[in-house]
N, C-alpha and C. Protein backbone atom coordinates (compact mmCIF):
# COMPACT_ATOMS: atom_id res chain seq x y z
N MET A 1 92.89 87.70 126.23
CA MET A 1 93.01 87.32 124.90
C MET A 1 94.02 85.94 125.09
N LYS A 2 94.25 84.98 124.84
CA LYS A 2 95.07 84.17 124.81
C LYS A 2 96.29 84.18 123.93
N THR A 3 95.77 84.26 122.78
CA THR A 3 96.62 84.71 121.67
C THR A 3 96.87 85.92 121.26
N THR A 4 97.09 86.72 122.18
CA THR A 4 97.72 88.05 122.07
C THR A 4 98.70 88.68 123.32
N GLU A 5 99.51 89.73 122.74
CA GLU A 5 100.03 90.10 124.17
C GLU A 5 100.24 91.61 124.11
N THR A 6 100.11 92.40 125.04
CA THR A 6 100.33 93.91 125.26
C THR A 6 101.34 94.45 124.68
N LEU A 7 101.13 95.32 123.81
CA LEU A 7 102.26 95.90 123.11
C LEU A 7 103.18 97.24 124.10
N PHE A 8 104.11 96.77 124.01
CA PHE A 8 105.13 98.20 124.72
C PHE A 8 104.65 99.65 124.12
N ARG A 9 103.97 100.46 125.25
CA ARG A 9 103.97 101.84 124.65
C ARG A 9 104.25 102.74 125.89
N PHE A 10 105.00 103.73 124.98
CA PHE A 10 105.27 105.14 126.10
C PHE A 10 106.69 104.49 127.03
N SER A 11 107.35 103.40 126.42
CA SER A 11 108.16 102.81 127.09
C SER A 11 109.60 103.37 126.84
N LYS A 12 110.63 103.33 128.14
CA LYS A 12 112.06 104.19 127.20
C LYS A 12 112.58 102.71 126.22
N SER A 13 112.35 101.48 126.78
CA SER A 13 113.08 100.26 125.91
C SER A 13 112.31 99.87 124.63
N ARG A 14 110.82 100.80 124.32
CA ARG A 14 110.16 100.43 123.23
C ARG A 14 111.05 100.73 122.07
N THR A 15 112.07 101.73 121.46
CA THR A 15 112.61 101.70 120.73
C THR A 15 113.44 100.16 120.46
N ARG A 16 114.55 100.14 121.87
CA ARG A 16 115.31 98.99 121.54
C ARG A 16 114.62 97.78 121.56
N MET A 17 113.56 97.45 121.47
CA MET A 17 113.21 96.13 121.44
C MET A 17 112.58 96.10 120.20
N ARG A 18 111.98 97.22 119.65
CA ARG A 18 111.38 97.56 117.96
C ARG A 18 112.58 97.04 117.41
N VAL A 19 113.81 97.62 117.40
CA VAL A 19 115.12 97.73 116.57
C VAL A 19 115.34 95.73 116.64
N ALA A 20 115.47 95.39 117.84
CA ALA A 20 115.75 93.72 117.71
C ALA A 20 114.85 93.02 117.38
N THR A 21 113.64 93.28 117.11
CA THR A 21 112.38 92.59 116.41
C THR A 21 112.57 92.75 115.17
N VAL A 22 112.90 94.07 114.67
CA VAL A 22 113.05 94.28 112.83
C VAL A 22 114.04 93.42 112.29
N ALA A 23 115.33 93.49 113.29
CA ALA A 23 116.38 92.99 112.81
C ALA A 23 116.11 91.23 112.76
N LEU A 24 115.46 90.78 113.84
CA LEU A 24 115.01 89.49 113.62
C LEU A 24 114.43 88.95 112.82
N ALA A 25 113.47 89.60 112.34
CA ALA A 25 112.26 89.48 111.50
C ALA A 25 113.20 89.34 109.61
N LEU A 26 113.69 90.40 109.83
CA LEU A 26 114.63 90.47 108.49
C LEU A 26 115.75 89.58 108.35
N ALA A 27 116.67 88.86 109.74
CA ALA A 27 117.20 88.10 109.32
C ALA A 27 116.57 86.65 108.90
N CYS A 28 115.25 86.63 109.13
CA CYS A 28 114.77 84.89 108.86
C CYS A 28 113.45 84.98 108.40
N ALA A 29 113.23 86.42 107.11
CA ALA A 29 111.97 86.30 106.68
C ALA A 29 111.89 85.48 105.45
N THR A 30 112.96 84.56 105.11
CA THR A 30 112.95 83.76 104.02
C THR A 30 112.31 82.23 104.94
N LEU A 31 112.41 82.29 106.06
CA LEU A 31 111.91 80.85 107.06
C LEU A 31 110.50 80.91 107.28
N SER A 32 109.83 79.50 107.58
CA SER A 32 108.45 79.40 107.67
C SER A 32 108.39 80.08 109.52
N GLY A 33 109.29 80.47 109.91
CA GLY A 33 109.12 80.80 111.59
C GLY A 33 110.13 81.19 111.76
N CYS A 34 110.26 82.21 112.99
CA CYS A 34 111.67 82.44 113.54
C CYS A 34 111.32 82.74 114.44
N ALA A 35 112.64 83.56 115.21
CA ALA A 35 112.47 83.74 116.99
C ALA A 35 112.26 85.25 116.91
N LEU A 36 111.66 85.64 117.82
CA LEU A 36 111.17 87.16 118.40
C LEU A 36 110.95 87.19 119.78
N LEU A 37 111.45 88.47 119.64
CA LEU A 37 111.28 88.62 121.08
C LEU A 37 109.98 88.89 121.98
N ASN A 38 109.54 88.38 123.02
CA ASN A 38 108.08 89.01 123.27
C ASN A 38 108.10 90.11 124.62
N ALA A 39 107.10 90.09 125.45
CA ALA A 39 106.73 91.31 125.88
C ALA A 39 108.01 90.97 127.18
N GLY A 40 108.20 89.93 127.62
CA GLY A 40 109.17 89.75 128.67
C GLY A 40 110.85 89.65 128.37
N GLY A 41 110.83 89.93 127.24
CA GLY A 41 112.49 89.62 126.38
C GLY A 41 112.99 88.46 125.75
N GLU A 42 111.96 87.48 126.21
CA GLU A 42 112.21 86.17 125.93
C GLU A 42 112.10 85.77 124.11
N ARG A 43 112.82 84.85 123.78
CA ARG A 43 112.92 84.63 122.40
C ARG A 43 111.59 83.72 122.24
N THR A 44 110.84 83.75 121.34
CA THR A 44 109.51 83.00 120.92
C THR A 44 109.75 82.51 119.47
N GLN A 45 109.31 81.50 118.94
CA GLN A 45 109.01 80.74 117.78
C GLN A 45 108.03 81.59 117.12
N SER A 46 108.19 82.17 116.07
CA SER A 46 106.77 83.20 115.56
C SER A 46 106.92 82.59 114.05
N THR A 47 105.29 82.42 113.48
CA THR A 47 104.92 81.98 112.23
C THR A 47 105.13 83.39 111.20
N LEU A 48 105.53 83.34 110.14
CA LEU A 48 105.86 84.23 108.99
C LEU A 48 104.69 84.34 108.42
N TYR A 49 103.60 85.61 108.27
CA TYR A 49 102.76 85.19 107.27
C TYR A 49 103.17 86.81 106.23
N ALA A 50 103.05 86.09 105.35
CA ALA A 50 103.31 87.60 103.75
C ALA A 50 101.95 87.66 103.06
N LEU A 51 101.37 88.75 102.81
CA LEU A 51 99.90 89.04 102.48
C LEU A 51 100.23 89.20 100.77
N ASP A 52 99.57 88.68 100.01
CA ASP A 52 100.28 88.61 98.62
C ASP A 52 98.60 88.95 97.35
N PRO A 53 97.94 90.02 97.78
CA PRO A 53 96.60 90.12 97.31
C PRO A 53 96.70 90.15 95.84
N ARG A 54 95.50 89.79 95.04
CA ARG A 54 96.02 89.77 93.60
C ARG A 54 94.39 91.01 93.14
N VAL A 55 94.78 91.93 92.61
CA VAL A 55 93.51 92.94 92.00
C VAL A 55 93.22 93.42 90.87
N ALA A 56 92.21 92.57 90.70
CA ALA A 56 91.54 92.53 89.42
C ALA A 56 91.19 93.56 88.54
N PRO A 57 91.59 94.30 87.64
CA PRO A 57 91.35 95.81 87.11
C PRO A 57 89.72 95.66 86.63
N ASP A 58 89.04 96.64 86.91
CA ASP A 58 87.79 96.84 86.92
C ASP A 58 87.43 97.24 85.27
N ALA A 59 86.53 96.93 84.60
CA ALA A 59 86.63 97.43 83.17
C ALA A 59 86.20 99.25 83.08
N ALA A 60 85.71 99.71 84.28
CA ALA A 60 85.37 101.17 84.09
C ALA A 60 86.98 101.82 84.36
N TRP A 61 87.84 101.33 85.07
CA TRP A 61 89.28 101.80 85.08
C TRP A 61 89.53 102.57 83.65
N PRO A 62 89.96 103.68 83.79
CA PRO A 62 90.35 104.39 81.96
C PRO A 62 91.89 104.09 82.06
N ASN A 63 92.02 103.98 80.60
CA ASN A 63 93.10 104.01 79.92
C ASN A 63 94.05 105.35 80.22
N VAL A 64 95.18 105.78 80.74
CA VAL A 64 96.28 107.14 80.50
C VAL A 64 97.23 106.85 80.10
N LYS A 65 97.78 107.85 79.40
CA LYS A 65 99.13 108.08 78.68
C LYS A 65 100.27 108.65 79.75
N TRP A 66 99.73 108.85 80.92
CA TRP A 66 100.62 109.48 81.71
C TRP A 66 101.41 108.76 82.73
N GLN A 67 102.65 108.97 83.28
CA GLN A 67 103.28 108.02 84.25
C GLN A 67 103.27 108.41 85.55
N LEU A 68 103.51 107.76 86.53
CA LEU A 68 103.42 107.77 87.78
C LEU A 68 104.56 107.04 88.80
N SER A 69 104.94 107.86 89.83
CA SER A 69 105.84 107.74 90.80
C SER A 69 105.11 107.44 91.97
N LEU A 70 105.43 106.29 92.90
CA LEU A 70 104.64 106.26 94.20
C LEU A 70 105.85 106.23 95.21
N SER A 71 105.44 107.19 96.19
CA SER A 71 105.90 107.28 97.48
C SER A 71 106.06 106.42 98.62
N PRO A 72 107.39 105.88 99.17
CA PRO A 72 107.09 104.91 100.23
C PRO A 72 105.85 105.59 101.21
N PRO A 73 105.28 104.79 101.60
CA PRO A 73 103.70 105.31 102.34
C PRO A 73 104.39 105.48 103.57
N THR A 74 103.80 106.39 104.67
CA THR A 74 104.30 106.52 105.80
C THR A 74 103.24 106.38 106.98
N ALA A 75 103.70 106.05 107.80
CA ALA A 75 102.84 105.40 109.03
C ALA A 75 103.44 105.69 110.23
N ALA A 76 102.63 105.72 111.50
CA ALA A 76 103.29 105.44 113.07
C ALA A 76 103.91 104.51 113.15
N ARG A 77 104.86 104.04 113.98
CA ARG A 77 105.91 103.33 114.17
C ARG A 77 105.13 102.04 114.76
N MET A 78 103.59 102.31 115.77
CA MET A 78 102.98 101.20 116.14
C MET A 78 102.25 100.73 114.82
N ILE A 79 102.09 101.19 113.68
CA ILE A 79 101.39 100.71 112.98
C ILE A 79 101.88 99.67 111.85
N ASP A 80 103.13 100.51 111.61
CA ASP A 80 104.14 99.91 110.49
C ASP A 80 105.28 99.12 111.11
N SER A 81 104.72 97.68 111.97
CA SER A 81 105.51 97.01 112.38
C SER A 81 105.46 95.84 111.85
N PHE A 82 106.62 95.03 112.48
CA PHE A 82 106.18 93.50 111.67
C PHE A 82 105.31 92.43 112.67
N ARG A 83 105.30 93.14 113.73
CA ARG A 83 104.05 92.55 114.61
C ARG A 83 102.60 92.59 114.50
N ILE A 84 101.90 91.82 114.36
CA ILE A 84 100.46 91.64 114.00
C ILE A 84 99.71 92.30 115.22
N ALA A 85 99.42 93.83 114.91
CA ALA A 85 98.57 94.56 115.62
C ALA A 85 97.04 94.21 115.95
N VAL A 86 96.59 93.90 117.11
CA VAL A 86 95.16 93.79 117.27
C VAL A 86 94.58 94.68 118.45
N ARG A 87 93.11 95.30 117.87
CA ARG A 87 92.68 95.99 118.86
C ARG A 87 91.38 95.11 119.95
N PRO A 88 91.43 94.65 120.85
CA PRO A 88 90.87 94.05 121.68
C PRO A 88 89.42 95.44 121.91
N THR A 89 90.12 96.49 122.75
CA THR A 89 89.19 97.43 123.02
C THR A 89 89.32 98.78 122.35
N PRO A 90 88.91 99.77 122.35
CA PRO A 90 89.18 101.14 121.70
C PRO A 90 90.26 101.70 121.93
N ASP A 91 90.70 101.65 123.59
CA ASP A 91 91.74 102.35 123.57
C ASP A 91 92.86 101.38 124.08
N GLU A 92 93.20 100.08 123.91
CA GLU A 92 94.09 99.04 123.84
C GLU A 92 94.57 98.56 122.60
N VAL A 93 95.96 98.21 122.54
CA VAL A 93 96.36 97.70 121.27
C VAL A 93 97.47 96.70 121.73
N GLN A 94 97.36 95.65 121.34
CA GLN A 94 97.76 94.45 121.13
C GLN A 94 98.71 93.92 120.39
N VAL A 95 99.47 92.61 120.39
CA VAL A 95 100.01 92.05 119.06
C VAL A 95 99.91 90.64 119.65
N TYR A 96 99.66 89.85 118.63
CA TYR A 96 99.28 88.35 118.40
C TYR A 96 100.93 87.56 118.64
N LYS A 97 100.58 86.67 119.70
CA LYS A 97 101.39 86.05 120.18
C LYS A 97 102.33 84.85 119.00
N GLY A 98 103.34 84.62 118.63
CA GLY A 98 103.50 83.73 118.02
C GLY A 98 103.25 83.55 116.23
N ALA A 99 103.21 85.24 115.73
CA ALA A 99 103.02 85.37 114.39
C ALA A 99 103.64 86.74 114.05
N ALA A 100 103.89 86.63 112.86
CA ALA A 100 104.54 88.40 112.20
C ALA A 100 104.76 88.26 111.29
N TRP A 101 104.70 89.50 110.51
CA TRP A 101 104.72 89.86 109.31
C TRP A 101 105.93 89.50 108.55
N ALA A 102 105.93 89.12 107.70
CA ALA A 102 107.52 88.66 106.80
C ALA A 102 107.67 90.39 106.35
N LYS A 103 106.98 91.00 105.89
CA LYS A 103 106.99 92.43 105.49
C LYS A 103 106.52 93.57 106.04
N LEU A 104 107.42 94.37 106.04
CA LEU A 104 106.68 95.68 106.66
C LEU A 104 105.10 95.68 105.96
N PRO A 105 103.95 96.08 106.99
CA PRO A 105 102.27 96.56 106.30
C PRO A 105 102.94 97.49 104.84
N SER A 106 103.61 98.62 105.11
CA SER A 106 104.14 99.78 104.12
C SER A 106 104.35 99.13 102.99
N ASP A 107 105.36 98.30 103.09
CA ASP A 107 105.85 97.43 102.13
C ASP A 107 104.81 96.58 101.60
N MET A 108 103.53 96.06 102.18
CA MET A 108 103.07 95.18 101.34
C MET A 108 101.74 96.13 100.79
N VAL A 109 101.57 97.35 101.52
CA VAL A 109 100.50 98.24 100.81
C VAL A 109 101.47 98.75 99.49
N GLU A 110 102.33 99.30 99.41
CA GLU A 110 103.19 99.59 98.22
C GLU A 110 103.37 98.66 97.25
N ASP A 111 103.58 97.55 97.35
CA ASP A 111 103.53 96.52 96.33
C ASP A 111 102.04 95.84 95.49
N THR A 112 101.08 96.34 96.69
CA THR A 112 99.65 95.99 96.23
C THR A 112 99.26 96.85 95.22
N ILE A 113 99.60 98.33 95.17
CA ILE A 113 99.15 99.25 94.51
C ILE A 113 99.97 98.99 93.43
N ILE A 114 101.55 99.10 93.66
CA ILE A 114 101.81 98.64 92.13
C ILE A 114 101.79 97.91 91.05
N ARG A 115 101.63 97.02 92.05
CA ARG A 115 100.90 95.43 91.10
C ARG A 115 100.12 95.57 90.67
N ALA A 116 98.97 96.35 91.06
CA ALA A 116 97.40 96.38 90.57
C ALA A 116 97.30 97.28 89.45
N LEU A 117 98.29 98.36 89.46
CA LEU A 117 98.42 99.10 88.59
C LEU A 117 99.37 98.73 87.53
N GLU A 118 100.38 97.92 87.58
CA GLU A 118 100.81 97.43 86.30
C GLU A 118 100.53 96.43 85.76
N ASP A 119 99.62 95.37 86.40
CA ASP A 119 98.83 94.49 85.81
C ASP A 119 97.44 94.94 85.01
N SER A 120 97.17 95.86 85.82
CA SER A 120 95.93 96.08 84.71
C SER A 120 96.07 96.48 83.18
N GLY A 121 97.44 97.13 83.10
CA GLY A 121 97.63 97.50 81.47
C GLY A 121 96.74 98.88 81.23
N ARG A 122 96.61 99.44 82.09
CA ARG A 122 96.06 100.82 82.11
C ARG A 122 96.64 102.27 81.98
N ILE A 123 98.09 102.14 82.33
CA ILE A 123 98.95 103.10 82.48
C ILE A 123 100.33 102.76 82.06
N ALA A 124 100.72 104.16 81.53
CA ALA A 124 101.78 103.91 80.78
C ALA A 124 102.75 103.31 81.34
N ALA A 125 103.24 104.09 82.41
CA ALA A 125 104.43 103.40 83.69
C ALA A 125 104.05 103.83 85.24
N VAL A 126 104.51 102.98 86.00
CA VAL A 126 104.12 103.24 87.70
C VAL A 126 105.33 102.30 88.04
N ALA A 127 105.78 103.26 88.67
CA ALA A 127 106.95 102.68 89.46
C ALA A 127 107.12 103.38 91.10
N ARG A 128 108.49 102.92 91.67
CA ARG A 128 108.55 103.48 93.13
C ARG A 128 109.65 104.61 92.68
N GLN A 129 109.15 105.33 93.76
CA GLN A 129 109.95 107.17 93.70
C GLN A 129 111.53 106.80 93.62
N GLY A 130 112.16 107.35 92.94
CA GLY A 130 113.81 106.83 93.10
C GLY A 130 114.15 106.11 91.74
N THR A 131 113.20 105.65 91.13
CA THR A 131 113.72 104.41 90.23
C THR A 131 114.26 105.19 88.88
N GLY A 132 114.10 106.59 88.43
CA GLY A 132 114.44 107.19 87.31
C GLY A 132 113.45 107.15 86.33
N ILE A 133 112.21 107.19 86.59
CA ILE A 133 111.16 107.33 85.47
C ILE A 133 110.83 108.72 85.52
N ALA A 134 110.06 109.53 84.43
CA ALA A 134 109.97 110.58 84.51
C ALA A 134 108.43 111.37 84.73
N ALA A 135 107.87 110.89 85.82
CA ALA A 135 106.49 110.71 86.57
C ALA A 135 105.96 111.98 86.23
N ASP A 136 104.71 111.86 85.65
CA ASP A 136 104.06 113.26 85.71
C ASP A 136 103.22 113.26 86.81
N TYR A 137 102.76 112.40 87.67
CA TYR A 137 102.08 112.52 88.89
C TYR A 137 102.96 111.56 90.12
N LYS A 138 102.66 111.76 91.36
CA LYS A 138 103.33 111.17 92.48
C LYS A 138 102.01 110.90 93.40
N LEU A 139 102.16 109.69 93.97
CA LEU A 139 100.99 109.21 94.89
C LEU A 139 101.73 109.20 96.26
N VAL A 140 101.22 109.99 97.01
CA VAL A 140 101.77 110.03 98.72
C VAL A 140 100.48 109.44 99.38
N LEU A 141 101.28 108.67 100.08
CA LEU A 141 100.14 107.69 101.12
C LEU A 141 100.47 107.76 102.42
N ASP A 142 99.55 107.74 103.46
CA ASP A 142 99.74 107.87 104.86
C ASP A 142 98.94 106.90 105.27
N MET A 143 99.34 105.75 106.17
CA MET A 143 98.81 104.61 106.46
C MET A 143 98.43 104.83 107.74
N ARG A 144 96.90 104.97 108.22
CA ARG A 144 96.43 105.25 109.44
C ARG A 144 96.08 104.05 110.45
N ARG A 145 95.85 103.06 109.62
CA ARG A 145 95.59 101.61 110.47
C ARG A 145 95.82 100.33 109.28
N PHE A 146 96.36 99.88 110.29
CA PHE A 146 96.50 98.39 109.52
C PHE A 146 96.61 97.12 110.81
N GLU A 147 95.57 96.95 111.52
CA GLU A 147 95.42 96.31 112.70
C GLU A 147 93.96 95.42 112.54
N ALA A 148 93.54 94.35 113.72
CA ALA A 148 92.33 93.36 113.68
C ALA A 148 91.88 94.22 114.73
N ASP A 149 90.84 94.69 114.53
CA ASP A 149 89.78 95.43 115.40
C ASP A 149 88.46 94.86 115.80
N TYR A 150 88.30 94.52 117.08
CA TYR A 150 86.97 94.11 117.76
C TYR A 150 86.07 94.56 117.55
N ALA A 151 86.27 96.21 117.90
CA ALA A 151 85.46 97.04 117.65
C ALA A 151 83.80 96.87 118.36
N GLY A 152 83.98 95.78 119.46
CA GLY A 152 83.03 95.77 120.24
C GLY A 152 82.09 94.38 119.90
N GLY A 153 82.84 93.67 119.00
CA GLY A 153 82.10 92.30 118.50
C GLY A 153 82.87 91.19 118.84
N ALA A 154 82.42 90.22 118.41
CA ALA A 154 82.83 88.86 119.29
C ALA A 154 84.01 88.58 118.23
N LEU A 155 83.91 88.84 116.96
CA LEU A 155 85.12 88.28 115.93
C LEU A 155 86.14 90.08 115.51
N PRO A 156 87.41 89.71 115.32
CA PRO A 156 87.83 90.80 114.75
C PRO A 156 88.04 90.94 113.31
N SER A 157 87.65 92.70 112.87
CA SER A 157 87.80 92.56 111.69
C SER A 157 89.04 93.36 111.03
N ALA A 158 89.69 92.96 110.10
CA ALA A 158 91.04 93.19 109.72
C ALA A 158 90.82 94.92 108.67
N THR A 159 91.32 95.92 109.59
CA THR A 159 90.96 97.54 109.21
C THR A 159 92.13 97.97 108.84
N ILE A 160 92.05 98.40 107.84
CA ILE A 160 92.95 98.98 106.94
C ILE A 160 92.36 100.45 106.48
N GLU A 161 93.25 101.58 106.92
CA GLU A 161 92.87 103.02 106.62
C GLU A 161 93.80 103.66 106.18
N ILE A 162 93.79 104.51 105.19
CA ILE A 162 95.14 104.92 104.48
C ILE A 162 94.65 106.24 103.68
N ASN A 163 95.05 107.48 103.68
CA ASN A 163 94.88 108.34 102.97
C ASN A 163 95.66 108.76 101.70
N ALA A 164 95.02 108.85 100.74
CA ALA A 164 95.77 108.86 99.36
C ALA A 164 96.16 110.50 99.21
N LYS A 165 96.87 111.12 98.44
CA LYS A 165 97.09 112.45 97.77
C LYS A 165 97.81 112.16 96.50
N LEU A 166 97.39 112.79 95.37
CA LEU A 166 97.88 112.73 94.14
C LEU A 166 98.66 114.15 93.79
N LEU A 167 99.80 114.25 93.81
CA LEU A 167 100.48 115.53 93.15
C LEU A 167 101.06 115.59 91.68
N ARG A 168 100.72 116.85 91.27
CA ARG A 168 101.16 116.81 89.97
C ARG A 168 102.81 117.19 89.86
N ASN A 169 103.39 116.60 89.28
CA ASN A 169 104.96 116.57 89.61
C ASN A 169 105.98 118.22 89.31
N SER A 170 105.14 118.47 88.12
CA SER A 170 105.53 119.76 87.78
C SER A 170 105.57 120.98 88.70
N ASP A 171 104.33 121.19 89.46
CA ASP A 171 104.56 122.25 90.45
C ASP A 171 103.92 121.70 92.18
N GLN A 172 104.12 120.45 91.88
CA GLN A 172 103.64 119.52 93.14
C GLN A 172 102.36 119.77 93.91
N SER A 173 101.36 120.59 92.78
CA SER A 173 100.30 121.00 93.36
C SER A 173 99.34 119.77 93.44
N VAL A 174 98.57 119.51 94.82
CA VAL A 174 97.49 118.18 95.09
C VAL A 174 96.53 118.02 94.03
N VAL A 175 96.18 117.73 93.04
CA VAL A 175 95.22 117.43 92.83
C VAL A 175 93.82 116.59 92.82
N GLY A 176 93.88 115.93 93.95
CA GLY A 176 93.16 115.18 94.58
C GLY A 176 93.76 114.48 95.93
N ALA A 177 92.72 114.43 96.50
CA ALA A 177 93.03 113.55 97.99
C ALA A 177 91.98 113.08 98.63
N GLN A 178 92.00 111.77 99.27
CA GLN A 178 90.58 110.90 99.61
C GLN A 178 91.70 109.72 100.65
N THR A 179 90.48 109.67 101.61
CA THR A 179 90.82 108.80 102.51
C THR A 179 90.30 107.00 102.32
N PHE A 180 90.71 106.07 102.58
CA PHE A 180 89.87 104.73 101.90
C PHE A 180 90.34 103.95 103.36
N ARG A 181 89.31 103.44 103.60
CA ARG A 181 89.30 102.54 104.81
C ARG A 181 87.91 101.45 104.57
N HIS A 182 88.52 100.18 104.97
CA HIS A 182 88.01 98.93 104.47
C HIS A 182 88.13 98.05 105.88
N ALA A 183 87.08 97.27 106.66
CA ALA A 183 87.44 96.49 107.70
C ALA A 183 86.51 95.16 107.20
N GLU A 184 87.24 94.01 107.06
CA GLU A 184 87.18 92.75 106.55
C GLU A 184 87.09 92.00 107.68
N PRO A 185 85.88 91.34 108.08
CA PRO A 185 85.53 90.69 109.41
C PRO A 185 86.23 89.15 108.87
N ALA A 186 86.93 88.51 109.96
CA ALA A 186 87.59 87.28 109.85
C ALA A 186 86.62 86.07 110.42
N ALA A 187 87.02 85.22 109.89
CA ALA A 187 85.72 84.03 110.13
C ALA A 187 85.92 83.38 111.28
N SER A 188 87.04 83.76 112.23
CA SER A 188 87.54 83.43 113.59
C SER A 188 88.34 84.29 114.23
N LYS A 189 88.53 83.64 115.18
CA LYS A 189 89.94 84.56 116.11
C LYS A 189 91.07 83.93 115.49
N GLU A 190 91.51 82.69 115.26
CA GLU A 190 92.70 82.48 115.05
C GLU A 190 93.34 82.87 114.04
N VAL A 191 94.83 83.00 114.41
CA VAL A 191 95.79 83.94 113.18
C VAL A 191 95.63 83.74 112.13
N PRO A 192 95.43 82.75 111.25
CA PRO A 192 95.34 82.15 109.92
C PRO A 192 94.25 82.96 109.36
N GLN A 193 93.20 82.90 110.22
CA GLN A 193 91.81 83.29 109.66
C GLN A 193 91.93 85.15 109.59
N VAL A 194 92.84 85.55 110.55
CA VAL A 194 92.46 86.97 110.73
C VAL A 194 93.50 87.37 109.73
N VAL A 195 94.80 86.65 109.43
CA VAL A 195 95.63 86.87 108.49
C VAL A 195 94.70 87.16 106.53
N GLU A 196 93.96 86.18 106.54
CA GLU A 196 93.05 85.97 105.18
C GLU A 196 92.51 87.25 105.06
N ALA A 197 91.72 87.60 106.21
CA ALA A 197 91.10 88.81 106.40
C ALA A 197 91.84 89.98 106.17
N PHE A 198 92.82 90.29 106.29
CA PHE A 198 93.98 91.04 106.30
C PHE A 198 94.08 91.32 104.72
N SER A 199 94.59 90.02 103.82
CA SER A 199 94.48 89.77 102.42
C SER A 199 93.46 90.42 101.88
N ARG A 200 92.05 90.11 102.17
CA ARG A 200 91.13 90.64 101.22
C ARG A 200 90.91 92.15 101.59
N SER A 201 90.78 92.70 102.54
CA SER A 201 91.02 94.02 103.10
C SER A 201 92.10 94.76 102.24
N LEU A 202 93.28 94.42 102.10
CA LEU A 202 94.18 94.92 101.30
C LEU A 202 94.27 94.72 100.08
N GLU A 203 93.43 94.10 99.16
CA GLU A 203 92.76 93.76 97.96
C GLU A 203 91.70 94.59 97.57
N ARG A 204 90.75 95.22 98.69
CA ARG A 204 89.77 95.84 98.58
C ARG A 204 90.72 97.67 98.63
N VAL A 205 91.70 97.69 99.17
CA VAL A 205 91.78 99.20 99.66
C VAL A 205 92.83 99.25 98.91
N GLY A 206 93.45 98.50 98.27
CA GLY A 206 94.69 98.50 97.02
C GLY A 206 93.89 98.53 95.74
N GLY A 207 92.60 97.83 95.36
CA GLY A 207 92.02 98.31 94.01
C GLY A 207 91.53 99.86 94.07
N ASP A 208 90.74 100.01 95.51
CA ASP A 208 90.38 101.11 95.19
C ASP A 208 91.22 102.59 95.30
N ILE A 209 92.32 102.49 95.81
CA ILE A 209 93.26 103.57 95.33
C ILE A 209 93.98 103.30 93.58
N ALA A 210 93.93 102.00 93.54
CA ALA A 210 94.45 101.91 92.52
C ALA A 210 93.46 102.75 91.11
N ARG A 211 92.23 102.33 91.34
CA ARG A 211 91.15 103.04 90.39
C ARG A 211 91.20 104.45 90.51
N TRP A 212 91.03 105.09 92.17
CA TRP A 212 91.14 106.65 92.35
C TRP A 212 92.16 107.49 91.31
N THR A 213 93.30 106.68 91.51
CA THR A 213 94.26 107.21 91.35
C THR A 213 94.22 107.23 89.97
N LEU A 214 93.72 106.46 88.89
CA LEU A 214 93.60 106.43 87.28
C LEU A 214 92.65 107.34 87.16
N GLN A 215 91.53 107.54 87.88
CA GLN A 215 90.40 108.35 87.42
C GLN A 215 91.01 109.78 87.77
N THR A 216 91.37 110.20 88.67
CA THR A 216 91.88 111.28 89.18
C THR A 216 92.95 111.90 88.53
N GLY A 217 94.11 110.70 88.48
CA GLY A 217 95.13 111.93 87.46
C GLY A 217 94.82 111.93 85.75
N ASN A 218 93.77 110.89 85.68
CA ASN A 218 92.90 111.21 84.33
C ASN A 218 92.06 112.74 83.68
N THR A 219 91.54 113.13 85.28
CA THR A 219 90.44 113.53 84.94
C THR A 219 91.49 115.18 85.25
N ALA A 220 92.25 115.66 85.70
CA ALA A 220 93.20 116.32 85.86
C ALA A 220 94.13 116.66 84.85
N THR A 221 94.71 115.96 84.20
CA THR A 221 95.37 115.86 82.80
C THR A 221 94.28 116.52 81.71
N SER A 222 92.87 115.93 81.90
CA SER A 222 91.80 116.31 80.73
C SER A 222 91.78 118.10 80.86
N GLY A 223 91.80 118.22 82.19
CA GLY A 223 91.68 119.97 82.55
C GLY A 223 92.59 120.44 82.11
N VAL A 224 93.54 120.03 82.30
CA VAL A 224 95.00 120.97 82.21
C VAL A 224 94.92 121.10 80.35
N ALA A 225 94.63 119.73 79.73
CA ALA A 225 94.59 119.94 78.14
C ALA A 225 93.52 120.79 77.86
N GLY A 226 91.87 120.90 78.43
CA GLY A 226 91.01 121.72 77.96
C GLY A 226 90.76 123.29 78.10
N GLY A 227 92.27 123.39 79.15
CA GLY A 227 92.88 124.66 79.47
C GLY A 227 93.63 125.65 78.34
N ARG A 228 94.31 124.47 77.76
CA ARG A 228 95.21 125.40 76.64
C ARG A 228 94.71 125.77 75.39
């Protein structure tokens, strides 16, 4: 693939390369392009892409009176990277040359879900963990996939997979758990079209998680109230 380069795996220098890449990306996150290190250790000009999906609430979403905190999503380093990952074959992971995320995938996922819930007007309050709100429930996310996957096809699909758990803060019990996955086909192999597919995929997954969170928390709250 002409637009990708092999990702460093199981190398002693991988950690140093990641630190350098992160530092460079953060330093120029407000610019249209920046210099990132490629596989050969040379700096190459990269275009930064920032996903900004907007999730429209569904009429079926319930109105809830409880408050929610969102823990920072967890993910493997290979998944939560500024480099845009692509999987040309099941056992090979590469990254697109000349392209990078402006924010880490975990941050984009967190921003999308929080904004979806806030803009929906269906929840009393939602905030990132540590902001000081008295949350009744906590949403815990584990990112499993955030990559362009060819899956044997001619064009890649922006594949996002996230496991979500909703915990009751009073006793830290899990009131619900579900894995969300969506693969959005890209219109072409070109990076801008792949990024557009990622935006649609994140919109879908973010909306599904927001809906599930409201419904699961509502059911758990109703069950507690009914048992009193």
